[in-house]
C-alpha atoms as a PDB file:
ATOM      1  CA  UNK A   1      -0.047  -0.074  -0.149  1.00  0.00           C
ATOM      2  CA  UNK A   2       2.979   2.223   0.645  1.00  0.00           C
ATOM      3  CA  UNK A   3       4.499   1.596  -2.528  1.00  0.00           C
ATOM      4  CA  UNK A   4       1.122   2.267  -4.107  1.00  0.00           C
ATOM      5  CA  UNK A   5       0.635   5.763  -2.596  1.00  0.00           C
ATOM      6  CA  UNK A   6       4.433   6.532  -3.339  1.00  0.00           C
ATOM      7  CA  UNK A   7       3.490   5.833  -7.216  1.00  0.00           C
ATOM      8  CA  UNK A   8       0.349   7.583  -7.075  1.00  0.00           C
ATOM      9  CA  UNK A   9       2.199  11.091  -5.416  1.00  0.00           C
ATOM     10  CA  UNK A  10       5.132  10.599  -8.169  1.00  0.00           C
ATOM     11  CA  UNK A  11       2.469  10.204 -11.100  1.00  0.00           C
ATOM     12  CA  UNK A  12       0.855  13.406  -9.893  1.00  0.00           C
ATOM     13  CA  UNK A  13       4.198  14.954  -9.631  1.00  0.00           C
ATOM     14  CA  UNK A  14       5.008  13.856 -13.126  1.00  0.00           C
ATOM     15  CA  UNK A  15       1.989  15.257 -14.350  1.00  0.00           C
ATOM     16  CA  UNK A  16       2.012  18.623 -12.801  1.00  0.00           C
ATOM     17  CA  UNK A  17       5.775  18.836 -14.109  1.00  0.00           C
ATOM     18  CA  UNK A  18       4.794  17.738 -17.640  1.00  0.00           C
ATOM     19  CA  UNK A  19       1.379  20.131 -17.586  1.00  0.00           C
ATOM     20  CA  UNK A  20       3.807  23.053 -16.538  1.00  0.00           C
ATOM     21  CA  UNK A  21       6.401  22.622 -19.251  1.00  0.00           C
ATOM     22  CA  UNK A  22       3.436  22.235 -21.857  1.00  0.00           C
ATOM     23  CA  UNK A  23       1.913  25.415 -20.703  1.00  0.00           C
ATOM     24  CA  UNK A  24       5.140  27.143 -20.341  1.00  0.00           C
ATOM     25  CA  UNK A  25       6.055  26.374 -24.131  1.00  0.00           C
ATOM     26  CA  UNK A  26       2.740  27.538 -25.161  1.00  0.00           C
ATOM     27  CA  UNK A  27       3.050  30.793 -23.644  1.00  0.00           C
ATOM     28  CA  UNK A  28       6.635  31.117 -24.719  1.00  0.00           C
ATOM     29  CA  UNK A  29       5.515  30.543 -28.369  1.00  0.00           C
ATOM     30  CA  UNK A  30       2.769  33.035 -27.837  1.00  0.00           C
ATOM     31  CA  UNK A  31       5.267  35.452 -26.298  1.00  0.00           C
ATOM     32  CA  UNK A  32       7.322  35.013 -29.251  1.00  0.00           C
ATOM     33  CA  UNK A  33       4.749  35.267 -32.130  1.00  0.00           C
ATOM     34  CA  UNK A  34       5.670  37.073 -34.903  1.00  0.00           C
ATOM     35  CA  UNK A  35       3.758  38.476 -38.035  1.00  0.00           C
ATOM     36  CA  UNK A  36       5.688  39.502 -41.418  1.00  0.00           C
ATOM     37  CA  UNK A  37       4.265  42.357 -43.632  1.00  0.00           C
ATOM     38  CA  UNK A  38       5.696  42.432 -47.035  1.00  0.00           C
ATOM     39  CA  UNK A  39       4.114  43.982 -50.355  1.00  0.00           C
ATOM     40  CA  UNK A  40       5.672  41.399 -52.495  1.00  0.00           C
ATOM     41  CA  UNK A  41       3.397  38.734 -50.880  1.00  0.00           C
ATOM     42  CA  UNK A  42       6.446  37.201 -49.359  1.00  0.00           C
ATOM     43  CA  UNK A  43       5.332  37.605 -45.642  1.00  0.00           C
ATOM     44  CA  UNK A  44       2.064  36.824 -43.886  1.00  0.00           C
ATOM     45  CA  UNK A  45       0.220  39.985 -44.870  1.00  0.00           C
ATOM     46  CA  UNK A  46       0.956  42.733 -47.699  1.00  0.00           C
ATOM     47  CA  UNK A  47      -0.293  45.759 -45.509  1.00  0.00           C
ATOM     48  CA  UNK A  48       0.130  46.912 -41.887  1.00  0.00           C
ATOM     49  CA  UNK A  49      -3.667  47.262 -41.069  1.00  0.00           C
ATOM     50  CA  UNK A  50      -4.176  43.435 -41.949  1.00  0.00           C
ATOM     51  CA  UNK A  51      -1.249  42.616 -39.424  1.00  0.00           C
ATOM     52  CA  UNK A  52      -2.555  44.631 -36.553  1.00  0.00           C
ATOM     53  CA  UNK A  53      -6.102  43.116 -37.136  1.00  0.00           C
ATOM     54  CA  UNK A  54      -4.277  39.700 -36.893  1.00  0.00           C
ATOM     55  CA  UNK A  55      -3.209  40.486 -33.263  1.00  0.00           C
ATOM     56  CA  UNK A  56      -4.969  38.774 -30.403  1.00  0.00           C
ATOM     57  CA  UNK A  57      -7.257  40.849 -28.685  1.00  0.00           C
ATOM     58  CA  UNK A  58      -6.524  41.880 -24.959  1.00  0.00           C
ATOM     59  CA  UNK A  59      -3.217  40.094 -25.283  1.00  0.00           C
ATOM     60  CA  UNK A  60      -1.130  39.877 -22.070  1.00  0.00           C
ATOM     61  CA  UNK A  61       2.169  38.757 -24.181  1.00  0.00           C
ATOM     62  CA  UNK A  62       4.024  40.662 -27.064  1.00  0.00           C
ATOM     63  CA  UNK A  63       3.193  40.347 -30.558  1.00  0.00           C
ATOM     64  CA  UNK A  64       6.259  41.328 -32.788  1.00  0.00           C
ATOM     65  CA  UNK A  65       5.134  42.817 -36.463  1.00  0.00           C
ATOM     66  CA  UNK A  66       8.095  42.779 -38.941  1.00  0.00           C
ATOM     67  CA  UNK A  67       7.535  45.200 -41.496  1.00  0.00           C
ATOM     68  CA  UNK A  68       9.701  45.042 -45.032  1.00  0.00           C
ATOM     69  CA  UNK A  69      10.838  47.853 -46.799  1.00  0.00           C
ATOM     70  CA  UNK A  70       8.309  49.784 -48.981  1.00  0.00           C
ATOM     71  CA  UNK A  71       5.961  52.935 -48.957  1.00  0.00           C
ATOM     72  CA  UNK A  72       2.899  51.494 -47.425  1.00  0.00           C
ATOM     73  CA  UNK A  73      -0.010  54.283 -48.445  1.00  0.00           C
ATOM     74  CA  UNK A  74      -2.872  53.388 -45.772  1.00  0.00           C
ATOM     75  CA  UNK A  75      -4.539  54.858 -42.823  1.00  0.00           C
ATOM     76  CA  UNK A  76      -3.579  52.500 -40.322  1.00  0.00           C
ATOM     77  CA  UNK A  77      -5.356  52.018 -36.639  1.00  0.00           C
ATOM     78  CA  UNK A  78      -4.114  49.972 -33.780  1.00  0.00           C
ATOM     79  CA  UNK A  79      -7.421  49.455 -31.928  1.00  0.00           C
ATOM     80  CA  UNK A  80      -7.520  49.884 -27.942  1.00  0.00           C
ATOM     81  CA  UNK A  81      -8.031  46.251 -27.604  1.00  0.00           C
ATOM     82  CA  UNK A  82      -4.613  45.587 -29.553  1.00  0.00           C
ATOM     83  CA  UNK A  83      -1.773  45.802 -26.678  1.00  0.00           C
ATOM     84  CA  UNK A  84       1.762  44.759 -26.185  1.00  0.00           C
ATOM     85  CA  UNK A  85       2.421  45.087 -30.026  1.00  0.00           C
ATOM     86  CA  UNK A  86       5.831  45.706 -31.199  1.00  0.00           C
ATOM     87  CA  UNK A  87       6.706  46.832 -34.932  1.00  0.00           C
ATOM     88  CA  UNK A  88       9.646  46.762 -36.351  1.00  0.00           C
ATOM     89  CA  UNK A  89      11.004  47.724 -39.688  1.00  0.00           C
ATOM     90  CA  UNK A  90      14.315  46.938 -41.325  1.00  0.00           C
ATOM     91  CA  UNK A  91      15.095  50.360 -42.100  1.00  0.00           C
ATOM     92  CA  UNK A  92      13.216  53.749 -41.289  1.00  0.00           C
ATOM     93  CA  UNK A  93      14.491  55.497 -44.682  1.00  0.00           C
ATOM     94  CA  UNK A  94      12.774  52.887 -46.696  1.00  0.00           C
ATOM     95  CA  UNK A  95       9.887  51.281 -44.331  1.00  0.00           C
ATOM     96  CA  UNK A  96       7.130  54.215 -44.603  1.00  0.00           C
ATOM     97  CA  UNK A  97       3.729  54.442 -43.588  1.00  0.00           C
ATOM     98  CA  UNK A  98       1.956  57.504 -45.420  1.00  0.00           C
ATOM     99  CA  UNK A  99      -1.365  59.107 -45.990  1.00  0.00           C
ATOM    100  CA  UNK A 100      -2.359  62.441 -47.143  1.00  0.00           C
ATOM    101  CA  UNK A 101      -5.600  63.564 -45.263  1.00  0.00           C
ATOM    102  CA  UNK A 102      -5.771  66.892 -43.878  1.00  0.00           C
ATOM    103  CA  UNK A 103      -8.376  68.720 -41.758  1.00  0.00           C
ATOM    104  CA  UNK A 104     -10.423  70.536 -44.720  1.00  0.00           C
ATOM    105  CA  UNK A 105     -10.604  67.461 -46.919  1.00  0.00           C
ATOM    106  CA  UNK A 106     -14.628  66.446 -47.067  1.00  0.00           C
ATOM    107  CA  UNK A 107     -15.450  62.899 -46.216  1.00  0.00           C
ATOM    108  CA  UNK A 108     -17.956  60.776 -47.839  1.00  0.00           C
ATOM    109  CA  UNK A 109     -20.733  62.732 -46.119  1.00  0.00           C
ATOM    110  CA  UNK A 110     -19.350  66.106 -47.142  1.00  0.00           C
ATOM    111  CA  UNK A 111     -18.213  66.962 -43.775  1.00  0.00           C
ATOM    112  CA  UNK A 112     -14.552  68.249 -43.407  1.00  0.00           C
ATOM    113  CA  UNK A 113     -12.236  65.604 -41.445  1.00  0.00           C
ATOM    114  CA  UNK A 114     -11.253  67.873 -38.941  1.00  0.00           C
ATOM    115  CA  UNK A 115      -7.722  67.506 -37.064  1.00  0.00           C
ATOM    116  CA  UNK A 116      -8.402  64.004 -35.303  1.00  0.00           C
ATOM    117  CA  UNK A 117      -9.475  62.242 -38.385  1.00  0.00           C
ATOM    118  CA  UNK A 118      -6.494  63.125 -40.305  1.00  0.00           C
ATOM    119  CA  UNK A 119      -3.580  60.840 -38.957  1.00  0.00           C
ATOM    120  CA  UNK A 120      -1.932  58.474 -41.174  1.00  0.00           C
ATOM    121  CA  UNK A 121      -1.402  56.157 -38.102  1.00  0.00           C
ATOM    122  CA  UNK A 122      -3.664  56.066 -34.660  1.00  0.00           C
ATOM    123  CA  UNK A 123      -2.189  54.268 -31.300  1.00  0.00           C
ATOM    124  CA  UNK A 124      -5.196  53.441 -28.912  1.00  0.00           C
ATOM    125  CA  UNK A 125      -3.696  50.258 -27.457  1.00  0.00           C
ATOM    126  CA  UNK A 126      -0.956  50.444 -24.725  1.00  0.00           C
ATOM    127  CA  UNK A 127       2.549  49.094 -24.568  1.00  0.00           C
ATOM    128  CA  UNK A 128       2.677  49.821 -28.388  1.00  0.00           C
ATOM    129  CA  UNK A 129       6.738  49.607 -29.482  1.00  0.00           C
ATOM    130  CA  UNK A 130       7.947  51.158 -33.000  1.00  0.00           C
ATOM    131  CA  UNK A 131      11.306  50.682 -34.204  1.00  0.00           C
ATOM    132  CA  UNK A 132      12.775  51.910 -37.808  1.00  0.00           C
ATOM    133  CA  UNK A 133       9.593  53.277 -39.107  1.00  0.00           C
ATOM    134  CA  UNK A 134       8.900  56.095 -40.801  1.00  0.00           C
ATOM    135  CA  UNK A 135       5.370  57.586 -40.027  1.00  0.00           C
ATOM    136  CA  UNK A 136       4.524  60.612 -42.522  1.00  0.00           C
ATOM    137  CA  UNK A 137       1.653  62.640 -43.567  1.00  0.00           C
ATOM    138  CA  UNK A 138       2.246  63.801 -47.320  1.00  0.00           C
ATOM    139  CA  UNK A 139      -0.676  66.275 -47.564  1.00  0.00           C
ATOM    140  CA  UNK A 140       2.187  69.333 -47.204  1.00  0.00           C
ATOM    141  CA  UNK A 141       0.808  72.926 -46.137  1.00  0.00           C
ATOM    142  CA  UNK A 142      -2.832  72.548 -46.082  1.00  0.00           C
ATOM    143  CA  UNK A 143      -3.535  73.308 -42.532  1.00  0.00           C
ATOM    144  CA  UNK A 144      -3.551  70.516 -39.772  1.00  0.00           C
ATOM    145  CA  UNK A 145      -2.541  67.085 -40.984  1.00  0.00           C
ATOM    146  CA  UNK A 146      -1.087  64.463 -38.534  1.00  0.00           C
ATOM    147  CA  UNK A 147       1.245  61.655 -38.973  1.00  0.00           C
ATOM    148  CA  UNK A 148       0.504  60.040 -35.824  1.00  0.00           C
ATOM    149  CA  UNK A 149      -2.285  60.116 -33.317  1.00  0.00           C
ATOM    150  CA  UNK A 150      -1.143  58.357 -29.891  1.00  0.00           C
ATOM    151  CA  UNK A 151      -3.768  57.747 -27.419  1.00  0.00           C
ATOM    152  CA  UNK A 152      -2.536  54.654 -25.623  1.00  0.00           C
ATOM    153  CA  UNK A 153      -0.250  54.729 -22.747  1.00  0.00           C
ATOM    154  CA  UNK A 154       3.351  53.313 -22.536  1.00  0.00           C
ATOM    155  CA  UNK A 155       4.049  54.241 -26.010  1.00  0.00           C
ATOM    156  CA  UNK A 156       7.888  53.959 -27.305  1.00  0.00           C
ATOM    157  CA  UNK A 157       9.512  55.107 -30.393  1.00  0.00           C
ATOM    158  CA  UNK A 158      13.002  54.076 -31.483  1.00  0.00           C
ATOM    159  CA  UNK A 159      14.668  55.357 -34.479  1.00  0.00           C
ATOM    160  CA  UNK A 160      11.617  56.282 -36.092  1.00  0.00           C
ATOM    161  CA  UNK A 161      10.991  59.182 -38.436  1.00  0.00           C
ATOM    162  CA  UNK A 162       7.889  61.522 -38.299  1.00  0.00           C
ATOM    163  CA  UNK A 163       7.198  63.645 -41.365  1.00  0.00           C
ATOM    164  CA  UNK A 164       4.543  66.404 -41.831  1.00  0.00           C
ATOM    165  CA  UNK A 165       3.753  70.192 -42.106  1.00  0.00           C
ATOM    166  CA  UNK A 166       1.194  71.235 -39.333  1.00  0.00           C
ATOM    167  CA  UNK A 167       0.447  68.923 -36.125  1.00  0.00           C
ATOM    168  CA  UNK A 168       2.900  66.312 -37.175  1.00  0.00           C
ATOM    169  CA  UNK A 169       2.451  64.597 -33.799  1.00  0.00           C
ATOM    170  CA  UNK A 170      -0.621  64.510 -31.713  1.00  0.00           C
ATOM    171  CA  UNK A 171       0.362  63.040 -28.406  1.00  0.00           C
ATOM    172  CA  UNK A 172      -3.518  62.903 -27.303  1.00  0.00           C
ATOM    173  CA  UNK A 173      -3.923  60.936 -24.381  1.00  0.00           C
ATOM    174  CA  UNK A 174      -4.942  62.349 -21.272  1.00  0.00           C
ATOM    175  CA  UNK A 175      -2.361  60.420 -18.738  1.00  0.00           C
ATOM    176  CA  UNK A 176      -0.602  58.841 -21.590  1.00  0.00           C
ATOM    177  CA  UNK A 177       3.378  58.339 -21.238  1.00  0.00           C
ATOM    178  CA  UNK A 178       5.208  58.415 -24.409  1.00  0.00           C
ATOM    179  CA  UNK A 179       8.970  57.960 -25.270  1.00  0.00           C
ATOM    180  CA  UNK A 180      10.528  58.964 -28.482  1.00  0.00           C
ATOM    181  CA  UNK A 181      14.632  58.221 -28.655  1.00  0.00           C
ATOM    182  CA  UNK A 182      16.654  58.682 -31.537  1.00  0.00           C
ATOM    183  CA  UNK A 183      14.010  60.165 -33.643  1.00  0.00           C
ATOM    184  CA  UNK A 184      13.885  62.405 -36.542  1.00  0.00           C
ATOM    185  CA  UNK A 185      10.729  64.804 -36.315  1.00  0.00           C
ATOM    186  CA  UNK A 186      10.043  67.374 -38.714  1.00  0.00           C
ATOM    187  CA  UNK A 187       7.178  69.909 -39.366  1.00  0.00           C
ATOM    188  CA  UNK A 188       6.299  73.603 -39.388  1.00  0.00           C
ATOM    189  CA  UNK A 189       3.398  74.767 -37.001  1.00  0.00           C
ATOM    190  CA  UNK A 190       2.492  73.203 -33.745  1.00  0.00           C
ATOM    191  CA  UNK A 191       3.998  69.900 -34.988  1.00  0.00           C
ATOM    192  CA  UNK A 192       4.249  68.508 -31.767  1.00  0.00           C
ATOM    193  CA  UNK A 193       1.177  68.858 -29.656  1.00  0.00           C
ATOM    194  CA  UNK A 194      -1.314  67.329 -26.905  1.00  0.00           C
ATOM    195  CA  UNK A 195      -1.932  66.275 -23.429  1.00  0.00           C
ATOM    196  CA  UNK A 196       0.330  63.623 -22.997  1.00  0.00           C
ATOM    197  CA  UNK A 197       3.667  63.471 -20.854  1.00  0.00           C
ATOM    198  CA  UNK A 198       6.351  62.810 -23.388  1.00  0.00           C
ATOM    199  CA  UNK A 199      10.090  62.547 -23.282  1.00  0.00           C
ATOM    200  CA  UNK A 200      12.073  62.964 -26.361  1.00  0.00           C
ATOM    201  CA  UNK A 201      15.463  62.101 -25.937  1.00  0.00           C
ATOM    202  CA  UNK A 202      18.507  62.304 -28.349  1.00  0.00           C
ATOM    203  CA  UNK A 203      16.128  63.694 -31.157  1.00  0.00           C
ATOM    204  CA  UNK A 204      16.496  65.593 -33.935  1.00  0.00           C
ATOM    205  CA  UNK A 205      13.800  68.245 -34.346  1.00  0.00           C
ATOM    206  CA  UNK A 206      13.686  70.062 -37.813  1.00  0.00           C
ATOM    207  CA  UNK A 207      12.033  73.471 -38.213  1.00  0.00           C
ATOM    208  CA  UNK A 208      10.716  73.937 -41.784  1.00  0.00           C
ATOM    209  CA  UNK A 209      10.361  76.746 -43.927  1.00  0.00           C
ATOM    210  CA  UNK A 210       7.269  79.000 -43.658  1.00  0.00           C
ATOM    211  CA  UNK A 211       6.727  77.709 -39.983  1.00  0.00           C
ATOM    212  CA  UNK A 212       6.646  79.292 -36.234  1.00  0.00           C
ATOM    213  CA  UNK A 213       6.358  76.887 -33.433  1.00  0.00           C
ATOM    214  CA  UNK A 214       7.367  73.766 -32.435  1.00  0.00           C
ATOM    215  CA  UNK A 215       5.165  72.406 -29.261  1.00  0.00           C
ATOM    216  CA  UNK A 216       1.876  73.132 -28.490  1.00  0.00           C
ATOM    217  CA  UNK A 217       1.155  71.451 -25.397  1.00  0.00           C
ATOM    218  CA  UNK A 218      -2.288  71.475 -23.867  1.00  0.00           C
ATOM    219  CA  UNK A 219      -0.787  69.660 -20.381  1.00  0.00           C
ATOM    220  CA  UNK A 220      -3.389  69.397 -17.363  1.00  0.00           C
ATOM    221  CA  UNK A 221      -2.612  71.282 -14.578  1.00  0.00           C
ATOM    222  CA  UNK A 222      -2.748  68.012 -12.451  1.00  0.00           C
ATOM    223  CA  UNK A 223       0.008  66.528 -14.713  1.00  0.00           C
ATOM    224  CA  UNK A 224       3.584  67.224 -13.438  1.00  0.00           C
ATOM    225  CA  UNK A 225       5.543  66.948 -16.714  1.00  0.00           C
ATOM    226  CA  UNK A 226       4.166  67.895 -20.168  1.00  0.00           C
ATOM    227  CA  UNK A 227       7.099  67.467 -23.017  1.00  0.00           C
ATOM    228  CA  UNK A 228      10.709  67.055 -22.027  1.00  0.00           C
ATOM    229  CA  UNK A 229      13.337  67.345 -24.469  1.00  0.00           C
ATOM    230  CA  UNK A 230      16.796  65.950 -23.308  1.00  0.00           C
ATOM    231  CA  UNK A 231      19.988  66.020 -25.482  1.00  0.00           C
ATOM    232  CA  UNK A 232      18.243  66.986 -28.914  1.00  0.00           C
ATOM    233  CA  UNK A 233      19.325  68.771 -31.943  1.00  0.00           C
ATOM    234  CA  UNK A 234      16.899  71.605 -32.874  1.00  0.00           C
ATOM    235  CA  UNK A 235      17.720  73.167 -36.521  1.00  0.00           C
ATOM    236  CA  UNK A 236      16.038  73.503 -40.067  1.00  0.00           C
ATOM    237  CA  UNK A 237      15.911  75.320 -43.068  1.00  0.00           C
ATOM    238  CA  UNK A 238      13.651  78.203 -41.894  1.00  0.00           C
ATOM    239  CA  UNK A 239      14.862  81.642 -41.497  1.00  0.00           C
ATOM    240  CA  UNK A 240      16.580  82.638 -38.450  1.00  0.00           C
ATOM    241  CA  UNK A 241      15.257  83.554 -35.271  1.00  0.00           C
ATOM    242  CA  UNK A 242      11.681  82.743 -36.470  1.00  0.00           C
ATOM    243  CA  UNK A 243      10.882  79.705 -34.454  1.00  0.00           C
ATOM    244  CA  UNK A 244       9.472  79.528 -30.863  1.00  0.00           C
ATOM    245  CA  UNK A 245      10.198  76.327 -28.732  1.00  0.00           C
ATOM    246  CA  UNK A 246       6.388  76.276 -27.775  1.00  0.00           C
ATOM    247  CA  UNK A 247       3.135  78.288 -27.394  1.00  0.00           C
ATOM    248  CA  UNK A 248       0.688  76.963 -25.143  1.00  0.00           C
ATOM    249  CA  UNK A 249      -2.607  75.341 -26.750  1.00  0.00           C
ATOM    250  CA  UNK A 250      -4.145  75.017 -23.140  1.00  0.00           C
ATOM    251  CA  UNK A 251      -3.053  77.550 -20.132  1.00  0.00           C
ATOM    252  CA  UNK A 252      -1.184  74.826 -18.182  1.00  0.00           C
ATOM    253  CA  UNK A 253       1.146  74.073 -20.642  1.00  0.00           C
ATOM    254  CA  UNK A 254       4.639  72.450 -19.624  1.00  0.00           C
ATOM    255  CA  UNK A 255       7.851  72.241 -21.858  1.00  0.00           C
ATOM    256  CA  UNK A 256      11.253  71.904 -21.004  1.00  0.00           C
ATOM    257  CA  UNK A 257      14.298  71.816 -23.056  1.00  0.00           C
ATOM    258  CA  UNK A 258      17.644  70.273 -21.121  1.00  0.00           C
ATOM    259  CA  UNK A 259      20.920  69.986 -22.731  1.00  0.00           C
ATOM    260  CA  UNK A 260      19.909  70.608 -26.329  1.00  0.00           C
ATOM    261  CA  UNK A 261      21.580  72.156 -29.138  1.00  0.00           C
ATOM    262  CA  UNK A 262      19.629  74.726 -30.408  1.00  0.00           C
ATOM    263  CA  UNK A 263      19.951  76.044 -33.717  1.00  0.00           C
ATOM    264  CA  UNK A 264      19.699  79.592 -35.179  1.00  0.00           C
ATOM    265  CA  UNK A 265      16.079  79.028 -36.432  1.00  0.00           C
ATOM    266  CA  UNK A 266      15.073  79.743 -32.553  1.00  0.00           C
ATOM    267  CA  UNK A 267      14.223  83.067 -31.709  1.00  0.00           C
ATOM    268  CA  UNK A 268      15.509  85.201 -28.744  1.00  0.00           C
ATOM    269  CA  UNK A 269      12.264  85.004 -27.008  1.00  0.00           C
ATOM    270  CA  UNK A 270      12.257  81.329 -27.142  1.00  0.00           C
ATOM    271  CA  UNK A 271       8.669  80.987 -26.372  1.00  0.00           C
ATOM    272  CA  UNK A 272       5.065  82.681 -27.291  1.00  0.00           C
ATOM    273  CA  UNK A 273       1.937  83.248 -25.520  1.00  0.00           C
ATOM    274  CA  UNK A 274      -0.476  82.495 -27.983  1.00  0.00           C
ATOM    275  CA  UNK A 275      -1.703  85.927 -28.462  1.00  0.00           C
ATOM    276  CA  UNK A 276      -3.110  85.805 -24.541  1.00  0.00           C
ATOM    277  CA  UNK A 277      -1.077  87.395 -21.857  1.00  0.00           C
ATOM    278  CA  UNK A 278      -3.015  85.367 -19.368  1.00  0.00           C
ATOM    279  CA  UNK A 279      -1.112  82.295 -20.439  1.00  0.00           C
ATOM    280  CA  UNK A 280       1.865  83.689 -19.109  1.00  0.00           C
ATOM    281  CA  UNK A 281       0.594  83.210 -15.632  1.00  0.00           C
ATOM    282  CA  UNK A 282       0.027  79.486 -15.781  1.00  0.00           C
ATOM    283  CA  UNK A 283       2.289  78.066 -18.517  1.00  0.00           C
ATOM    284  CA  UNK A 284       5.498  76.460 -17.494  1.00  0.00           C
ATOM    285  CA  UNK A 285       8.377  76.701 -20.259  1.00  0.00           C
ATOM    286  CA  UNK A 286      11.959  76.040 -18.991  1.00  0.00           C
ATOM    287  CA  UNK A 287      15.548  75.515 -20.075  1.00  0.00           C
ATOM    288  CA  UNK A 288      18.664  74.080 -18.675  1.00  0.00           C
ATOM    289  CA  UNK A 289      22.194  74.027 -19.888  1.00  0.00           C
ATOM    290  CA  UNK A 290      21.396  74.156 -23.601  1.00  0.00           C
ATOM    291  CA  UNK A 291      24.115  75.245 -26.442  1.00  0.00           C
ATOM    292  CA  UNK A 292      24.024  76.632 -29.617  1.00  0.00           C
ATOM    293  CA  UNK A 293      23.370  79.953 -31.444  1.00  0.00           C
ATOM    294  CA  UNK A 294      19.487  79.543 -30.518  1.00  0.00           C
ATOM    295  CA  UNK A 295      20.206  79.598 -27.136  1.00  0.00           C
ATOM    296  CA  UNK A 296      20.004  82.981 -25.819  1.00  0.00           C
ATOM    297  CA  UNK A 297      18.871  82.995 -22.061  1.00  0.00           C
ATOM    298  CA  UNK A 298      19.553  86.628 -21.567  1.00  0.00           C
ATOM    299  CA  UNK A 299      16.756  87.186 -24.332  1.00  0.00           C
ATOM    300  CA  UNK A 300      14.269  84.835 -23.150  1.00  0.00           C
ATOM    301  CA  UNK A 301      10.704  86.011 -22.442  1.00  0.00           C
ATOM    302  CA  UNK A 302      10.696  87.092 -18.730  1.00  0.00           C
ATOM    303  CA  UNK A 303       7.965  84.651 -17.870  1.00  0.00           C
ATOM    304  CA  UNK A 304       9.814  81.688 -18.597  1.00  0.00           C
ATOM    305  CA  UNK A 305      12.336  79.590 -16.523  1.00  0.00           C
ATOM    306  CA  UNK A 306      16.160  78.887 -16.561  1.00  0.00           C
ATOM    307  CA  UNK A 307      16.146  75.724 -14.243  1.00  0.00           C
ATOM    308  CA  UNK A 308      18.497  75.719 -11.366  1.00  0.00           C
ATOM    309  CA  UNK A 309      20.745  72.501 -10.818  1.00  0.00           C
ATOM    310  CA  UNK A 310      18.435  71.348  -7.941  1.00  0.00           C
ATOM    311  CA  UNK A 311      15.196  72.165 -10.268  1.00  0.00           C
ATOM    312  CA  UNK A 312      17.017  70.009 -13.147  1.00  0.00           C
ATOM    313  CA  UNK A 313      17.530  67.072 -10.876  1.00  0.00           C
ATOM    314  CA  UNK A 314      13.780  66.602 -11.056  1.00  0.00           C
ATOM    315  CA  UNK A 315      13.974  65.802 -14.784  1.00  0.00           C
ATOM    316  CA  UNK A 316      14.954  62.319 -15.006  1.00  0.00           C
ATOM    317  CA  UNK A 317      13.347  59.334 -17.102  1.00  0.00           C
ATOM    318  CA  UNK A 318      12.168  57.546 -13.918  1.00  0.00           C
ATOM    319  CA  UNK A 319      10.851  60.735 -12.493  1.00  0.00           C
ATOM    320  CA  UNK A 320       9.034  61.629 -15.530  1.00  0.00           C
ATOM    321  CA  UNK A 321       7.709  58.180 -16.731  1.00  0.00           C
ATOM    322  CA  UNK A 322       6.556  56.961 -13.409  1.00  0.00           C
ATOM    323  CA  UNK A 323       6.781  53.116 -13.081  1.00  0.00           C
ATOM    324  CA  UNK A 324       7.153  52.610 -16.850  1.00  0.00           C
ATOM    325  CA  UNK A 325      10.677  51.852 -17.822  1.00  0.00           C
ATOM    326  CA  UNK A 326      11.040  51.611 -21.578  1.00  0.00           C
ATOM    327  CA  UNK A 327      13.844  49.583 -22.836  1.00  0.00           C
ATOM    328  CA  UNK A 328      13.940  48.406 -26.329  1.00  0.00           C
END
């Protein structure tokens, strides 16, 4: 009887171990699931949207989408139930998602699209990561025309390019945290705007001819950080002394540039109040140890801030992004 009990116990233990291994292998397989997009038909899908549609709903594990080089002219939407998606292009210069909508364009019902319906790429899902992808709105100087609209939380972009004219990147999400690393961003008017907390690190911000403003933050008064630019390069082909680092789309806009190289396109004033002196009382615009011909702290508007050493210590990635640790 004793041997029989031991045999039963051993059998249960073996079953538990084997079952655990099977579940673990299955989870690993799911976690490492990959989808390939190729326009020539050599992958799983020919369009980016088809690939995103194939992502399991509400998945707790990562789905990787590998995008082969090509110009993908399509309006793409990552729905809110598509989480933990990582999209990787082979080469940002040759892997382009583009569309050409703009705010004044009429839809099928004869109504203007408006700003929010113009994006080439929409991110509603959480934990989205993109690497080596170009997001473009090719409409040109036709008013508001978004390259990307990001509402989901924990959205990270690495070695990506964002091309547009007015309103290139809409950091829409209230409470959303976004991270841009080694990215190229161009535009002419308010081409980084919205309410999210966003950290731009080692990015190249290019100011196009005919523009005046880089950022238009709409930070909530309850949000500690709005936009933070660290170790970025800001230049462009615009005339000298024409661009403001930002203007407040909403009264409590918060923007800070630290350790950035500012080209001669940046005006001496540095900041704009959006034709409303009341914004000067509530907006928080700051700089710290910037360099370059566009860095003229003595000429800045009096209501902006040059951070002290102690104040600058509060601008660290873990403080800005909280419990999210982006690491690609």
